[in-house]
Amino acid sequence: MTAPSIVSAARVPGTSAPVVRLAGELDLYTVTRIEPVLVSLVLRGEEDVALDLSGVPFCDSSGVALFARLHRRCEAVGTRLRLHAVPPGPARVFRALRLDRVVTCHFQ
């Protein structure tokens, strides 16, 4: 198991939208470590929040639940959540659990 980490946080060129690059596996154990940081980002009231998942090789239903919770928090404060560079493994899970019908997902 690779503990998830926030590798970088930057701004999208030409916008004020933050992009947070995640790395590591997202499962029941590891989601609890990064959720507070992601929630604090959402609560800042940004117009858009983008998560780069290119460094996330594995995501189970706990990770999907995290993104669903983040999506609801975003909607509550008028922010859009976008998941970028979703690798094939997590993409299969997102599609099977229909996360891609709720959250904007850009697959690799």
C-alpha atoms as a PDB file:
ATOM      1  CA  MET A   1       0.000   0.000   0.000  1.00  0.00           C
ATOM      2  CA  THR A   2       1.331   3.399  -0.974  1.00  0.00           C
ATOM      3  CA  ALA A   3       0.124   6.146   1.341  1.00  0.00           C
ATOM      4  CA  PRO A   4      -1.474   8.962  -0.637  1.00  0.00           C
ATOM      5  CA  SER A   5       0.121  12.323  -0.648  1.00  0.00           C
ATOM      6  CA  ILE A   6      -0.486  15.711  -2.099  1.00  0.00           C
ATOM      7  CA  VAL A   7       2.453  16.076  -4.427  1.00  0.00           C
ATOM      8  CA  SER A   8       1.831  19.625  -5.500  1.00  0.00           C
ATOM      9  CA  ALA A   9      -0.718  22.372  -5.481  1.00  0.00           C
ATOM     10  CA  ALA A  10      -0.562  25.024  -8.166  1.00  0.00           C
ATOM     11  CA  ARG A  11      -2.789  27.324 -10.184  1.00  0.00           C
ATOM     12  CA  VAL A  12      -4.061  26.627 -13.663  1.00  0.00           C
ATOM     13  CA  PRO A  13      -2.282  29.088 -15.966  1.00  0.00           C
ATOM     14  CA  GLY A  14      -4.597  31.917 -16.963  1.00  0.00           C
ATOM     15  CA  THR A  15      -7.128  31.173 -14.223  1.00  0.00           C
ATOM     16  CA  SER A  16      -7.330  31.223 -10.476  1.00  0.00           C
ATOM     17  CA  ALA A  17      -8.282  27.551 -10.271  1.00  0.00           C
ATOM     18  CA  PRO A  18      -6.076  25.433  -8.024  1.00  0.00           C
ATOM     19  CA  VAL A  19      -4.825  22.064  -9.254  1.00  0.00           C
ATOM     20  CA  VAL A  20      -3.841  19.531  -6.652  1.00  0.00           C
ATOM     21  CA  ARG A  21      -1.796  16.546  -7.798  1.00  0.00           C
ATOM     22  CA  LEU A  22      -2.371  13.395  -5.775  1.00  0.00           C
ATOM     23  CA  ALA A  23      -0.071  10.373  -5.671  1.00  0.00           C
ATOM     24  CA  GLY A  24      -0.510   6.963  -4.085  1.00  0.00           C
ATOM     25  CA  GLU A  25      -3.359   4.562  -3.511  1.00  0.00           C
ATOM     26  CA  LEU A  26      -6.777   5.692  -2.307  1.00  0.00           C
ATOM     27  CA  ASP A  27      -8.444   3.155  -0.032  1.00  0.00           C
ATOM     28  CA  LEU A  28     -10.325   3.067   3.267  1.00  0.00           C
ATOM     29  CA  TYR A  29      -7.168   3.596   5.308  1.00  0.00           C
ATOM     30  CA  THR A  30      -5.513   6.282   3.221  1.00  0.00           C
ATOM     31  CA  VAL A  31      -8.536   8.421   2.305  1.00  0.00           C
ATOM     32  CA  THR A  32      -8.841   9.624   5.903  1.00  0.00           C
ATOM     33  CA  ARG A  33      -5.343  11.119   5.692  1.00  0.00           C
ATOM     34  CA  ILE A  34      -5.990  13.425   2.757  1.00  0.00           C
ATOM     35  CA  GLU A  35      -9.676  14.261   3.135  1.00  0.00           C
ATOM     36  CA  PRO A  36      -9.165  17.108   5.667  1.00  0.00           C
ATOM     37  CA  VAL A  37      -6.695  18.834   3.342  1.00  0.00           C
ATOM     38  CA  LEU A  38      -8.999  18.523   0.331  1.00  0.00           C
ATOM     39  CA  VAL A  39     -12.014  19.710   2.316  1.00  0.00           C
ATOM     40  CA  SER A  40     -10.095  22.792   3.469  1.00  0.00           C
ATOM     41  CA  LEU A  41      -9.274  23.561  -0.170  1.00  0.00           C
ATOM     42  CA  VAL A  42     -12.939  23.283  -1.131  1.00  0.00           C
ATOM     43  CA  LEU A  43     -14.037  25.472   1.765  1.00  0.00           C
ATOM     44  CA  ARG A  44     -11.822  28.319   0.540  1.00  0.00           C
ATOM     45  CA  GLY A  45     -14.568  29.067  -1.960  1.00  0.00           C
ATOM     46  CA  GLU A  46     -12.571  28.693  -5.180  1.00  0.00           C
ATOM     47  CA  GLU A  47     -14.617  28.730  -8.378  1.00  0.00           C
ATOM     48  CA  ASP A  48     -13.030  25.470  -9.563  1.00  0.00           C
ATOM     49  CA  VAL A  49     -10.991  22.784  -7.832  1.00  0.00           C
ATOM     50  CA  ALA A  50      -9.097  20.341 -10.034  1.00  0.00           C
ATOM     51  CA  LEU A  51      -7.519  17.148  -8.780  1.00  0.00           C
ATOM     52  CA  ASP A  52      -4.812  15.587 -10.950  1.00  0.00           C
ATOM     53  CA  LEU A  53      -5.043  11.845 -10.355  1.00  0.00           C
ATOM     54  CA  SER A  54      -2.268  10.815 -12.740  1.00  0.00           C
ATOM     55  CA  GLY A  55      -0.245   9.525  -9.767  1.00  0.00           C
ATOM     56  CA  VAL A  56      -3.079   7.419  -8.335  1.00  0.00           C
ATOM     57  CA  PRO A  57      -2.732   3.821  -9.548  1.00  0.00           C
ATOM     58  CA  PHE A  58      -5.500   2.404  -7.320  1.00  0.00           C
ATOM     59  CA  CYS A  59      -8.791   3.746  -5.985  1.00  0.00           C
ATOM     60  CA  ASP A  60     -11.443   1.656  -4.279  1.00  0.00           C
ATOM     61  CA  SER A  61     -14.988   2.571  -3.285  1.00  0.00           C
ATOM     62  CA  SER A  62     -13.620   4.621  -0.358  1.00  0.00           C
ATOM     63  CA  GLY A  63     -11.890   6.916  -2.819  1.00  0.00           C
ATOM     64  CA  VAL A  64     -15.067   7.171  -4.875  1.00  0.00           C
ATOM     65  CA  ALA A  65     -16.990   8.052  -1.709  1.00  0.00           C
ATOM     66  CA  LEU A  66     -14.387  10.735  -0.924  1.00  0.00           C
ATOM     67  CA  PHE A  67     -14.865  12.339  -4.330  1.00  0.00           C
ATOM     68  CA  ALA A  68     -18.659  12.156  -3.971  1.00  0.00           C
ATOM     69  CA  ARG A  69     -18.435  13.905  -0.578  1.00  0.00           C
ATOM     70  CA  LEU A  70     -16.097  16.536  -2.014  1.00  0.00           C
ATOM     71  CA  HIS A  71     -18.498  17.068  -4.905  1.00  0.00           C
ATOM     72  CA  ARG A  72     -21.383  17.688  -2.478  1.00  0.00           C
ATOM     73  CA  ARG A  73     -19.261  20.132  -0.463  1.00  0.00           C
ATOM     74  CA  CYS A  74     -18.271  21.906  -3.666  1.00  0.00           C
ATOM     75  CA  GLU A  75     -21.881  22.274  -4.732  1.00  0.00           C
ATOM     76  CA  ALA A  76     -22.763  23.678  -1.312  1.00  0.00           C
ATOM     77  CA  VAL A  77     -20.226  26.515  -1.681  1.00  0.00           C
ATOM     78  CA  GLY A  78     -20.639  27.122  -5.429  1.00  0.00           C
ATOM     79  CA  THR A  79     -17.434  25.378  -6.523  1.00  0.00           C
ATOM     80  CA  ARG A  80     -16.919  22.848  -9.314  1.00  0.00           C
ATOM     81  CA  LEU A  81     -14.869  19.700  -8.710  1.00  0.00           C
ATOM     82  CA  ARG A  82     -12.978  18.257 -11.670  1.00  0.00           C
ATOM     83  CA  LEU A  83     -10.909  15.079 -11.737  1.00  0.00           C
ATOM     84  CA  HIS A  84      -8.115  15.151 -14.317  1.00  0.00           C
ATOM     85  CA  ALA A  85      -5.783  12.536 -15.805  1.00  0.00           C
ATOM     86  CA  VAL A  86      -7.666   9.637 -14.227  1.00  0.00           C
ATOM     87  CA  PRO A  87      -5.609   6.458 -14.902  1.00  0.00           C
ATOM     88  CA  PRO A  88      -7.219   3.301 -16.326  1.00  0.00           C
ATOM     89  CA  GLY A  89      -7.540   1.435 -12.995  1.00  0.00           C
ATOM     90  CA  PRO A  90      -9.410   4.154 -11.129  1.00  0.00           C
ATOM     91  CA  ALA A  91     -11.333   4.988 -14.325  1.00  0.00           C
ATOM     92  CA  ARG A  92     -12.835   1.467 -14.346  1.00  0.00           C
ATOM     93  CA  VAL A  93     -13.981   1.925 -10.736  1.00  0.00           C
ATOM     94  CA  PHE A  94     -15.363   5.422 -11.424  1.00  0.00           C
ATOM     95  CA  ARG A  95     -17.354   4.146 -14.385  1.00  0.00           C
ATOM     96  CA  ALA A  96     -18.593   1.019 -12.588  1.00  0.00           C
ATOM     97  CA  LEU A  97     -19.795   3.091  -9.623  1.00  0.00           C
ATOM     98  CA  ARG A  98     -21.013   5.891 -11.936  1.00  0.00           C
ATOM     99  CA  LEU A  99     -18.924   8.612 -10.317  1.00  0.00           C
ATOM    100  CA  ASP A 100     -18.238   9.951 -13.814  1.00  0.00           C
ATOM    101  CA  ARG A 101     -21.959  10.772 -14.108  1.00  0.00           C
ATOM    102  CA  VAL A 102     -21.790  13.001 -11.042  1.00  0.00           C
ATOM    103  CA  VAL A 103     -18.281  14.506 -11.101  1.00  0.00           C
ATOM    104  CA  THR A 104     -16.522  15.856 -14.190  1.00  0.00           C
ATOM    105  CA  CYS A 105     -13.828  13.295 -15.015  1.00  0.00           C
ATOM    106  CA  HIS A 106     -11.116  13.535 -17.665  1.00  0.00           C
ATOM    107  CA  PHE A 107      -9.631  10.110 -18.323  1.00  0.00           C
ATOM    108  CA  GLN A 108      -6.130   9.318 -19.577  1.00  0.00           C
END
